[in-house]
């Protein structure tokens, strides 16, 4: 992490802090984090020494539930960040009324979704910029209408928005596509003359891939406990499942990585990995069945730094694993690829500095 802190940010829907790591590396200081899953809170606390429950601001139940925090109580910040969950928006009623030219009062098509809470915080606190992350399918959900509402909502608050679907495979040995949305506050969204700067030169195409890509060989552990090897029942089920799809001319089924691992790219690590490990199995030449990745390997595969990896290293007795393997798989499968966020955060910070915003 850089020692020169140049801007403040908040970490919403924080998970285990992958976005926070990226923005701290770019020179940011986290002034509030919010995550209500109690297991993710444990890992976050291990990584950062604090819980993402904003208890110093307000006590809510469950702790960390951002929907219970009034937006005006959120600390002032330069950049808002968050990987908000994608929930279906109820667009039909409002859209129909709009198409018929009928008034619809204060109806908000995002109300009832967690994005609505992000929007209300931006509306209240007016940060200089934001970065939001979501699954690639957000672009196509409801024939593109969901993303259109999100974009129009953010631009309607007075922000110039940029977005790009990025595959993390350029930074880590994993095929992982996510959409990233970046916005910068417009001068005209402020009182006349109050904002002299205007970021017009941010370009996702120039997000730097500075630094060498992690190779899969450095992710895989040489020796792991037997418990990570699939049982006969699970393995036989996966084999049958793949054979059935193959007979239909389909390519569905488990994914396997085999030694030597150098130069290979895995499938996407998902939150369901704890069930059977099907998307990324590791071949074991000396055993009849493959194995799952270990939590440490998942941590590495997502690009978390060594100070985080130690909490999932079985050999490090001073840093016991904060959650069960099952919860760890869920957490890494739901997380962001840290090096991707680092690159975007660095580009955002440079653009804000270059234009005199920070």
Protein backbone atom coordinates (compact mmCIF):
# COMPACT_ATOMS: atom_id res chain seq x y z
CA UNK A 1 0.00 0.00 0.00
CA UNK A 2 1.13 3.52 -0.78
CA UNK A 3 2.05 5.73 2.17
CA UNK A 4 0.71 8.93 0.58
CA UNK A 5 -3.03 9.13 1.13
CA UNK A 6 -4.59 11.61 -1.29
CA UNK A 7 -8.35 10.99 -1.24
CA UNK A 8 -11.09 9.45 0.91
CA UNK A 9 -13.55 6.74 -0.07
CA UNK A 10 -16.33 4.57 1.33
CA UNK A 11 -16.62 0.81 0.79
CA UNK A 12 -20.26 -0.29 0.33
CA UNK A 13 -21.42 -3.91 0.07
CA UNK A 14 -17.83 -4.52 1.04
CA UNK A 15 -17.75 -8.32 1.12
CA UNK A 16 -14.24 -9.20 2.28
CA UNK A 17 -12.68 -5.94 1.13
CA UNK A 18 -11.37 -6.58 -2.37
CA UNK A 19 -12.40 -3.12 -3.56
CA UNK A 20 -10.96 -1.50 -0.46
CA UNK A 21 -7.58 -3.11 -1.15
CA UNK A 22 -7.59 -1.68 -4.66
CA UNK A 23 -8.41 1.86 -3.60
CA UNK A 24 -5.99 1.86 -0.67
CA UNK A 25 -3.25 0.81 -3.08
CA UNK A 26 -4.13 3.84 -5.22
CA UNK A 27 -3.65 6.22 -2.26
CA UNK A 28 -7.13 6.21 -0.76
CA UNK A 29 -8.24 6.25 2.87
CA UNK A 30 -11.38 4.30 3.75
CA UNK A 31 -13.66 6.39 5.99
CA UNK A 32 -16.56 3.91 6.16
CA UNK A 33 -17.29 0.35 5.14
CA UNK A 34 -20.57 -1.54 5.10
CA UNK A 35 -21.20 -5.29 4.89
CA UNK A 36 -23.98 -7.10 6.73
CA UNK A 37 -23.03 -10.77 6.18
CA UNK A 38 -21.64 -11.92 9.53
CA UNK A 39 -19.17 -14.36 7.97
CA UNK A 40 -17.79 -11.82 5.51
CA UNK A 41 -17.42 -9.45 8.46
CA UNK A 42 -15.10 -11.97 10.15
CA UNK A 43 -12.79 -12.17 7.15
CA UNK A 44 -12.90 -8.40 6.64
CA UNK A 45 -11.96 -7.90 10.29
CA UNK A 46 -9.02 -10.31 9.90
CA UNK A 47 -7.79 -8.42 6.82
CA UNK A 48 -8.25 -4.86 8.08
CA UNK A 49 -8.52 -5.02 11.87
CA UNK A 50 -12.02 -3.51 11.88
CA UNK A 51 -15.56 -4.63 11.18
CA UNK A 52 -17.46 -3.20 8.18
CA UNK A 53 -20.51 -2.42 10.30
CA UNK A 54 -20.20 1.41 10.67
CA UNK A 55 -21.00 0.93 14.39
CA UNK A 56 -19.05 4.11 15.21
CA UNK A 57 -21.67 6.03 13.23
CA UNK A 58 -24.89 4.20 14.10
CA UNK A 59 -25.93 0.88 15.60
CA UNK A 60 -28.29 -1.09 13.34
CA UNK A 61 -29.61 -4.64 13.21
CA UNK A 62 -28.20 -6.61 11.56
CA UNK A 63 -24.87 -4.78 11.96
CA UNK A 64 -23.60 -3.38 8.69
CA UNK A 65 -26.98 -3.20 6.94
CA UNK A 66 -26.59 -0.07 4.79
CA UNK A 67 -30.35 0.09 4.16
CA UNK A 68 -30.78 1.09 7.82
CA UNK A 69 -28.30 4.01 7.70
CA UNK A 70 -29.75 7.42 6.73
CA UNK A 71 -27.64 8.80 3.84
CA UNK A 72 -26.91 12.08 5.61
CA UNK A 73 -25.02 10.16 8.34
CA UNK A 74 -22.54 8.73 5.83
CA UNK A 75 -19.17 10.50 6.23
CA UNK A 76 -18.11 12.94 3.53
CA UNK A 77 -15.91 11.22 0.96
CA UNK A 78 -14.26 11.84 -2.39
CA UNK A 79 -15.07 8.49 -4.00
CA UNK A 80 -17.94 6.07 -3.41
CA UNK A 81 -17.23 2.42 -4.20
CA UNK A 82 -19.31 -0.73 -4.04
CA UNK A 83 -20.13 -4.06 -5.58
CA UNK A 84 -23.90 -3.81 -5.13
CA UNK A 85 -25.97 -6.98 -5.54
CA UNK A 86 -28.05 -7.08 -8.71
CA UNK A 87 -31.75 -7.36 -7.92
CA UNK A 88 -34.50 -7.27 -10.54
CA UNK A 89 -36.00 -3.80 -10.84
CA UNK A 90 -39.78 -3.38 -10.99
CA UNK A 91 -39.83 -1.24 -14.11
CA UNK A 92 -43.13 -2.22 -15.68
CA UNK A 93 -45.48 0.11 -13.81
CA UNK A 94 -43.43 3.27 -14.08
CA UNK A 95 -42.36 2.57 -17.67
CA UNK A 96 -45.95 2.00 -18.76
CA UNK A 97 -47.12 5.24 -17.18
CA UNK A 98 -44.26 7.13 -18.79
CA UNK A 99 -45.05 5.67 -22.22
CA UNK A 100 -48.68 6.78 -21.84
CA UNK A 101 -47.63 10.22 -20.67
CA UNK A 102 -49.27 9.75 -17.29
CA UNK A 103 -47.82 11.31 -14.13
CA UNK A 104 -46.28 8.84 -11.73
CA UNK A 105 -45.56 11.04 -8.73
CA UNK A 106 -42.45 10.05 -6.82
CA UNK A 107 -42.21 6.51 -8.21
CA UNK A 108 -38.59 5.46 -8.53
CA UNK A 109 -37.88 2.38 -10.68
CA UNK A 110 -34.90 1.53 -8.49
CA UNK A 111 -36.79 1.64 -5.20
CA UNK A 112 -36.76 -1.65 -3.32
CA UNK A 113 -33.33 -2.55 -4.70
CA UNK A 114 -29.95 -2.15 -3.06
CA UNK A 115 -28.86 0.09 -5.93
CA UNK A 116 -31.46 2.56 -4.65
CA UNK A 117 -29.46 2.93 -1.42
CA UNK A 118 -26.29 3.64 -3.42
CA UNK A 119 -28.16 6.23 -5.45
CA UNK A 120 -29.53 7.96 -2.35
CA UNK A 121 -26.07 8.19 -0.77
CA UNK A 122 -24.64 9.70 -3.97
CA UNK A 123 -27.56 12.13 -4.10
CA UNK A 124 -27.02 13.17 -0.49
CA UNK A 125 -23.20 13.27 -0.24
CA UNK A 126 -22.27 14.29 -3.81
CA UNK A 127 -18.89 12.51 -3.98
CA UNK A 128 -16.45 13.62 -6.66
CA UNK A 129 -16.52 10.18 -8.24
CA UNK A 130 -17.86 6.67 -7.89
CA UNK A 131 -16.92 3.16 -8.97
CA UNK A 132 -19.50 0.38 -8.98
CA UNK A 133 -19.01 -3.27 -9.89
CA UNK A 134 -21.46 -5.97 -10.90
CA UNK A 135 -21.86 -9.15 -12.89
CA UNK A 136 -21.52 -8.98 -16.66
CA UNK A 137 -25.16 -10.02 -17.12
CA UNK A 138 -26.32 -6.72 -15.62
CA UNK A 139 -25.92 -5.29 -19.14
CA UNK A 140 -28.45 -7.68 -20.66
CA UNK A 141 -30.87 -8.12 -17.74
CA UNK A 142 -34.46 -7.46 -18.78
CA UNK A 143 -33.34 -6.82 -22.39
CA UNK A 144 -31.00 -4.07 -21.21
CA UNK A 145 -33.65 -2.04 -19.41
CA UNK A 146 -32.19 -2.59 -15.93
CA UNK A 147 -28.81 -1.19 -16.94
CA UNK A 148 -30.45 1.68 -18.79
CA UNK A 149 -32.28 2.70 -15.61
CA UNK A 150 -29.07 2.46 -13.57
CA UNK A 151 -27.15 4.57 -16.06
CA UNK A 152 -29.89 7.18 -16.38
CA UNK A 153 -30.24 7.32 -12.59
CA UNK A 154 -26.54 8.03 -12.09
CA UNK A 155 -26.24 10.48 -14.95
CA UNK A 156 -29.39 12.19 -13.70
CA UNK A 157 -27.57 12.95 -10.45
CA UNK A 158 -25.03 14.99 -12.40
CA UNK A 159 -22.25 12.54 -13.26
CA UNK A 160 -20.39 11.70 -16.45
CA UNK A 161 -20.44 7.91 -16.54
CA UNK A 162 -18.11 5.41 -18.18
CA UNK A 163 -18.52 1.64 -18.15
CA UNK A 164 -16.73 -1.40 -19.46
CA UNK A 165 -16.96 -5.19 -19.13
CA UNK A 166 -13.46 -6.29 -18.15
CA UNK A 167 -12.04 -9.80 -18.13
CA UNK A 168 -9.66 -10.29 -15.20
CA UNK A 169 -7.60 -12.80 -17.21
CA UNK A 170 -5.29 -9.94 -18.21
CA UNK A 171 -4.25 -9.66 -14.55
CA UNK A 172 -4.89 -13.08 -13.01
CA UNK A 173 -5.06 -16.61 -14.48
CA UNK A 174 -8.86 -16.69 -14.32
CA UNK A 175 -11.54 -15.92 -16.90
CA UNK A 176 -13.73 -13.51 -14.93
CA UNK A 177 -15.86 -10.89 -16.67
CA UNK A 178 -17.42 -8.12 -14.64
CA UNK A 179 -18.90 -4.74 -15.48
CA UNK A 180 -17.29 -1.69 -13.90
CA UNK A 181 -19.07 1.67 -13.83
CA UNK A 182 -17.09 4.83 -13.14
CA UNK A 183 -18.57 8.30 -12.81
CA UNK A 184 -17.16 11.80 -12.25
CA UNK A 185 -19.22 14.72 -10.97
CA UNK A 186 -20.02 17.36 -13.56
CA UNK A 187 -19.36 21.07 -12.86
CA UNK A 188 -22.91 21.93 -13.89
CA UNK A 189 -24.20 19.67 -11.10
CA UNK A 190 -22.80 22.16 -8.57
CA UNK A 191 -23.63 25.81 -7.87
CA UNK A 192 -22.22 28.13 -10.53
CA UNK A 193 -18.45 28.36 -10.24
CA UNK A 194 -18.24 25.98 -7.27
CA UNK A 195 -16.42 23.26 -9.21
CA UNK A 196 -13.50 24.31 -11.41
CA UNK A 197 -12.43 20.82 -12.42
CA UNK A 198 -14.02 18.50 -14.96
CA UNK A 199 -12.76 14.98 -15.71
CA UNK A 200 -13.31 14.44 -19.43
CA UNK A 201 -10.25 12.30 -20.14
CA UNK A 202 -10.99 9.03 -18.32
CA UNK A 203 -10.74 6.08 -20.70
CA UNK A 204 -11.23 2.44 -19.71
CA UNK A 205 -9.16 1.49 -22.73
CA UNK A 206 -6.16 3.05 -21.02
CA UNK A 207 -6.59 1.27 -17.68
CA UNK A 208 -3.06 0.06 -17.13
CA UNK A 209 -2.10 -3.58 -16.88
CA UNK A 210 1.12 -2.44 -15.22
CA UNK A 211 2.97 -5.31 -13.54
CA UNK A 212 3.32 -8.93 -14.52
CA UNK A 213 0.32 -11.22 -14.60
CA UNK A 214 0.20 -13.86 -11.89
CA UNK A 215 0.75 -17.32 -13.37
CA UNK A 216 -1.40 -20.29 -12.38
CA UNK A 217 1.73 -22.15 -11.34
CA UNK A 218 2.15 -19.68 -8.46
CA UNK A 219 -1.45 -20.22 -7.36
CA UNK A 220 -1.44 -24.02 -6.98
CA UNK A 221 -0.17 -25.58 -3.75
CA UNK A 222 2.19 -28.55 -4.21
CA UNK A 223 0.68 -30.64 -1.38
CA UNK A 224 -2.82 -30.40 0.06
CA UNK A 225 -4.83 -32.47 2.56
CA UNK A 226 -6.87 -35.42 1.35
CA UNK A 227 -10.13 -33.68 2.31
CA UNK A 228 -9.98 -31.56 -0.84
CA UNK A 229 -10.12 -34.64 -3.10
CA UNK A 230 -13.64 -35.27 -4.43
CA UNK A 231 -15.48 -38.25 -3.04
CA UNK A 232 -16.47 -41.09 -5.41
CA UNK A 233 -20.13 -40.08 -5.42
CA UNK A 234 -19.50 -36.44 -6.26
CA UNK A 235 -16.95 -37.26 -8.95
CA UNK A 236 -19.15 -39.92 -10.59
CA UNK A 237 -22.06 -37.49 -10.68
CA UNK A 238 -19.94 -34.83 -12.40
CA UNK A 239 -18.63 -37.38 -14.94
CA UNK A 240 -22.17 -38.49 -15.81
CA UNK A 241 -23.37 -34.91 -16.05
CA UNK A 242 -20.61 -34.00 -18.51
CA UNK A 243 -21.14 -37.17 -20.56
CA UNK A 244 -24.87 -36.45 -20.88
CA UNK A 245 -24.18 -32.97 -22.21
CA UNK A 246 -21.48 -34.24 -24.55
CA UNK A 247 -23.97 -36.73 -26.03
CA UNK A 248 -26.20 -33.75 -26.86
CA UNK A 249 -23.32 -31.89 -28.47
CA UNK A 250 -23.04 -29.45 -25.57
CA UNK A 251 -19.88 -28.39 -23.78
CA UNK A 252 -21.32 -28.08 -20.30
CA UNK A 253 -19.80 -29.84 -17.34
CA UNK A 254 -16.84 -29.63 -15.01
CA UNK A 255 -13.63 -27.78 -15.83
CA UNK A 256 -10.25 -29.36 -15.19
CA UNK A 257 -6.77 -27.89 -14.91
CA UNK A 258 -3.87 -30.29 -15.30
CA UNK A 259 -0.15 -30.02 -14.58
CA UNK A 260 2.01 -28.33 -15.70
CA UNK A 261 -0.12 -25.33 -14.74
CA UNK A 262 2.03 -22.54 -16.17
CA UNK A 263 0.20 -20.48 -18.79
CA UNK A 264 -3.25 -21.90 -18.08
CA UNK A 265 -6.39 -19.90 -17.29
CA UNK A 266 -9.20 -21.26 -15.14
CA UNK A 267 -12.92 -20.83 -15.49
CA UNK A 268 -14.72 -18.30 -13.30
CA UNK A 269 -14.65 -19.03 -9.58
CA UNK A 270 -18.26 -18.73 -8.39
CA UNK A 271 -20.02 -18.48 -5.03
CA UNK A 272 -21.34 -22.02 -5.53
CA UNK A 273 -17.83 -23.47 -5.62
CA UNK A 274 -18.31 -24.99 -2.17
CA UNK A 275 -20.92 -27.42 -3.54
CA UNK A 276 -18.73 -29.59 -5.77
CA UNK A 277 -15.90 -27.44 -7.15
CA UNK A 278 -17.06 -28.30 -10.67
CA UNK A 279 -15.89 -25.16 -12.46
CA UNK A 280 -12.24 -25.52 -11.40
CA UNK A 281 -11.02 -29.02 -10.56
CA UNK A 282 -7.34 -29.86 -10.16
CA UNK A 283 -6.14 -33.10 -11.76
CA UNK A 284 -4.07 -35.36 -9.48
CA UNK A 285 -1.95 -37.77 -11.56
CA UNK A 286 -1.20 -39.90 -8.51
CA UNK A 287 -4.86 -40.22 -7.46
CA UNK A 288 -7.99 -41.56 -9.20
CA UNK A 289 -10.04 -38.40 -8.60
CA UNK A 290 -9.38 -34.65 -8.88
CA UNK A 291 -9.62 -32.14 -6.05
CA UNK A 292 -11.06 -28.75 -5.32
CA UNK A 293 -8.94 -25.67 -4.96
CA UNK A 294 -8.02 -24.89 -1.37
CA UNK A 295 -9.18 -21.59 0.17
CA UNK A 296 -5.56 -20.36 -0.05
CA UNK A 297 -5.51 -21.11 -3.77
CA UNK A 298 -8.81 -19.26 -4.18
CA UNK A 299 -7.36 -16.30 -2.31
CA UNK A 300 -4.36 -16.29 -4.65
CA UNK A 301 -6.52 -16.81 -7.74
CA UNK A 302 -8.51 -13.67 -6.89
CA UNK A 303 -5.31 -11.65 -6.58
CA UNK A 304 -5.41 -10.94 -2.85
CA UNK A 305 -2.02 -9.87 -1.44
CA UNK A 306 0.15 -11.99 0.82
CA UNK A 307 -0.98 -10.21 3.98
CA UNK A 308 -4.46 -11.60 3.24
CA UNK A 309 -3.27 -14.99 2.04
CA UNK A 310 -1.68 -15.76 5.40
CA UNK A 311 -5.15 -16.09 6.97
CA UNK A 312 -5.84 -19.08 4.71
CA UNK A 313 -2.41 -20.68 4.89
CA UNK A 314 -2.72 -23.82 7.02
CA UNK A 315 0.95 -23.55 7.96
CA UNK A 316 0.56 -20.10 9.52
CA UNK A 317 -0.59 -20.89 13.05
CA UNK A 318 -0.45 -17.24 14.06
CA UNK A 319 -3.27 -16.42 11.64
CA UNK A 320 -6.05 -19.02 11.97
CA UNK A 321 -8.56 -19.12 9.14
CA UNK A 322 -11.39 -16.74 10.13
CA UNK A 323 -14.24 -18.75 8.58
CA UNK A 324 -15.00 -22.30 7.44
CA UNK A 325 -13.87 -23.54 4.02
CA UNK A 326 -17.49 -23.36 2.85
CA UNK A 327 -17.80 -19.69 3.75
CA UNK A 328 -14.35 -18.94 2.32
CA UNK A 329 -15.39 -20.39 -1.04
CA UNK A 330 -18.55 -18.26 -1.03
CA UNK A 331 -16.57 -15.15 -0.17
CA UNK A 332 -13.88 -15.51 -2.81
CA UNK A 333 -16.48 -16.50 -5.40
CA UNK A 334 -18.41 -13.30 -4.66
CA UNK A 335 -15.33 -11.08 -4.52
CA UNK A 336 -13.67 -8.85 -7.08
CA UNK A 337 -10.34 -9.57 -8.74
CA UNK A 338 -8.17 -7.26 -6.66
CA UNK A 339 -5.58 -6.37 -9.36
CA UNK A 340 -8.36 -5.20 -11.70
CA UNK A 341 -9.74 -2.85 -9.05
CA UNK A 342 -6.22 -1.60 -8.32
CA UNK A 343 -5.76 -0.68 -11.97
CA UNK A 344 -9.12 1.11 -12.18
CA UNK A 345 -8.60 2.91 -8.86
CA UNK A 346 -5.15 4.07 -9.97
CA UNK A 347 -6.58 5.39 -13.25
CA UNK A 348 -9.38 7.19 -11.40
CA UNK A 349 -6.99 8.76 -8.87
CA UNK A 350 -4.66 9.91 -11.65
CA UNK A 351 -7.57 11.45 -13.58
CA UNK A 352 -8.82 13.28 -10.47
CA UNK A 353 -5.33 14.58 -9.69
CA UNK A 354 -4.60 15.55 -13.29
CA UNK A 355 -7.77 17.64 -13.41
CA UNK A 356 -7.30 19.27 -10.02
CA UNK A 357 -10.07 17.48 -8.16
CA UNK A 358 -7.82 16.04 -5.41
